[in-house]
């Protein structure tokens, strides 16, 4: 992310997709989002999407995503 910091200062959208990111632990999602916040201006209006397979997560997992600012799921 540090490499792209020179080219991009902020984002309207963050998309975690491809390869079923819903298999990531909540801690791994936290680490990705923390790194994004450390390198770029990410505000509360940013759309943050995670691609999910409904069979990969529990209701608690999806609630934890929401608590971390994930505001859109791409279910497929």
C-alpha atoms as a PDB file:
ATOM      1  CA  UNK A   1       0.000   0.000   0.000  1.00  0.00           C
ATOM      2  CA  UNK A   2       2.900   2.327   0.659  1.00  0.00           C
ATOM      3  CA  UNK A   3       3.798   2.156  -3.050  1.00  0.00           C
ATOM      4  CA  UNK A   4       0.359   3.463  -4.078  1.00  0.00           C
ATOM      5  CA  UNK A   5       0.243   6.191  -1.430  1.00  0.00           C
ATOM      6  CA  UNK A   6       2.128   8.513  -3.788  1.00  0.00           C
ATOM      7  CA  UNK A   7      -0.495   8.069  -6.521  1.00  0.00           C
ATOM      8  CA  UNK A   8      -3.705   7.908  -4.478  1.00  0.00           C
ATOM      9  CA  UNK A   9      -4.661   9.912  -1.414  1.00  0.00           C
ATOM     10  CA  UNK A  10      -8.153   8.601  -0.824  1.00  0.00           C
ATOM     11  CA  UNK A  11     -10.685   6.114  -2.137  1.00  0.00           C
ATOM     12  CA  UNK A  12     -14.445   6.147  -2.631  1.00  0.00           C
ATOM     13  CA  UNK A  13     -14.600   2.350  -2.574  1.00  0.00           C
ATOM     14  CA  UNK A  14     -12.636  -0.516  -1.067  1.00  0.00           C
ATOM     15  CA  UNK A  15     -13.451  -3.938  -2.495  1.00  0.00           C
ATOM     16  CA  UNK A  16     -12.143  -7.136  -0.937  1.00  0.00           C
ATOM     17  CA  UNK A  17     -13.008  -9.748  -3.506  1.00  0.00           C
ATOM     18  CA  UNK A  18     -11.769 -12.615  -5.581  1.00  0.00           C
ATOM     19  CA  UNK A  19     -10.564 -15.760  -3.883  1.00  0.00           C
ATOM     20  CA  UNK A  20     -13.390 -15.691  -1.326  1.00  0.00           C
ATOM     21  CA  UNK A  21     -12.175 -13.151   1.240  1.00  0.00           C
ATOM     22  CA  UNK A  22     -14.936 -14.321   3.584  1.00  0.00           C
ATOM     23  CA  UNK A  23     -12.483 -17.081   4.499  1.00  0.00           C
ATOM     24  CA  UNK A  24     -10.300 -14.409   6.130  1.00  0.00           C
ATOM     25  CA  UNK A  25     -10.485 -14.146   9.891  1.00  0.00           C
ATOM     26  CA  UNK A  26     -11.828 -10.990  11.501  1.00  0.00           C
ATOM     27  CA  UNK A  27      -8.257 -10.232  12.622  1.00  0.00           C
ATOM     28  CA  UNK A  28      -7.030 -10.442   9.025  1.00  0.00           C
ATOM     29  CA  UNK A  29      -9.821  -8.090   7.898  1.00  0.00           C
ATOM     30  CA  UNK A  30      -8.816  -5.732  10.742  1.00  0.00           C
ATOM     31  CA  UNK A  31      -5.194  -5.812   9.571  1.00  0.00           C
ATOM     32  CA  UNK A  32      -6.142  -4.988   5.964  1.00  0.00           C
ATOM     33  CA  UNK A  33      -8.422  -2.121   6.981  1.00  0.00           C
ATOM     34  CA  UNK A  34      -5.861  -0.749   9.455  1.00  0.00           C
ATOM     35  CA  UNK A  35      -3.208  -0.729   6.750  1.00  0.00           C
ATOM     36  CA  UNK A  36      -5.593   1.036   4.358  1.00  0.00           C
ATOM     37  CA  UNK A  37      -6.379   3.639   7.032  1.00  0.00           C
ATOM     38  CA  UNK A  38      -2.683   4.107   7.810  1.00  0.00           C
ATOM     39  CA  UNK A  39      -1.821   4.843   4.182  1.00  0.00           C
ATOM     40  CA  UNK A  40      -4.906   6.571   2.760  1.00  0.00           C
ATOM     41  CA  UNK A  41      -7.741   8.878   3.768  1.00  0.00           C
ATOM     42  CA  UNK A  42     -10.613   6.485   4.418  1.00  0.00           C
ATOM     43  CA  UNK A  43     -13.707   8.175   5.805  1.00  0.00           C
ATOM     44  CA  UNK A  44     -17.091   6.946   6.978  1.00  0.00           C
ATOM     45  CA  UNK A  45     -18.604   7.598   3.542  1.00  0.00           C
ATOM     46  CA  UNK A  46     -16.272   5.105   1.842  1.00  0.00           C
ATOM     47  CA  UNK A  47     -18.088   2.064   0.498  1.00  0.00           C
ATOM     48  CA  UNK A  48     -16.306  -1.017   1.851  1.00  0.00           C
ATOM     49  CA  UNK A  49     -17.381  -4.257   0.192  1.00  0.00           C
ATOM     50  CA  UNK A  50     -16.454  -7.842   1.007  1.00  0.00           C
ATOM     51  CA  UNK A  51     -17.243 -10.635  -1.413  1.00  0.00           C
ATOM     52  CA  UNK A  52     -18.756 -13.531   0.515  1.00  0.00           C
ATOM     53  CA  UNK A  53     -19.953 -17.047   0.039  1.00  0.00           C
ATOM     54  CA  UNK A  54     -23.014 -17.363   2.314  1.00  0.00           C
ATOM     55  CA  UNK A  55     -21.880 -20.794   3.467  1.00  0.00           C
ATOM     56  CA  UNK A  56     -18.510 -19.483   4.690  1.00  0.00           C
ATOM     57  CA  UNK A  57     -19.677 -17.184   7.465  1.00  0.00           C
ATOM     58  CA  UNK A  58     -21.934 -17.148  10.479  1.00  0.00           C
ATOM     59  CA  UNK A  59     -24.304 -14.412  11.593  1.00  0.00           C
ATOM     60  CA  UNK A  60     -21.675 -13.378  14.153  1.00  0.00           C
ATOM     61  CA  UNK A  61     -18.980 -13.153  11.448  1.00  0.00           C
ATOM     62  CA  UNK A  62     -21.196 -10.866   9.366  1.00  0.00           C
ATOM     63  CA  UNK A  63     -22.004  -8.753  12.443  1.00  0.00           C
ATOM     64  CA  UNK A  64     -18.278  -8.398  13.139  1.00  0.00           C
ATOM     65  CA  UNK A  65     -17.723  -7.231   9.554  1.00  0.00           C
ATOM     66  CA  UNK A  66     -20.388  -4.565  10.049  1.00  0.00           C
ATOM     67  CA  UNK A  67     -18.753  -3.379  13.279  1.00  0.00           C
ATOM     68  CA  UNK A  68     -15.540  -2.860  11.326  1.00  0.00           C
ATOM     69  CA  UNK A  69     -17.158  -0.599   8.770  1.00  0.00           C
ATOM     70  CA  UNK A  70     -17.979  -3.128   6.064  1.00  0.00           C
ATOM     71  CA  UNK A  71     -21.129  -1.597   4.613  1.00  0.00           C
ATOM     72  CA  UNK A  72     -21.725  -3.792   1.577  1.00  0.00           C
ATOM     73  CA  UNK A  73     -21.582  -7.516   0.860  1.00  0.00           C
ATOM     74  CA  UNK A  74     -21.261  -9.024  -2.591  1.00  0.00           C
ATOM     75  CA  UNK A  75     -22.871 -12.435  -2.216  1.00  0.00           C
ATOM     76  CA  UNK A  76     -22.005 -14.952  -4.849  1.00  0.00           C
END
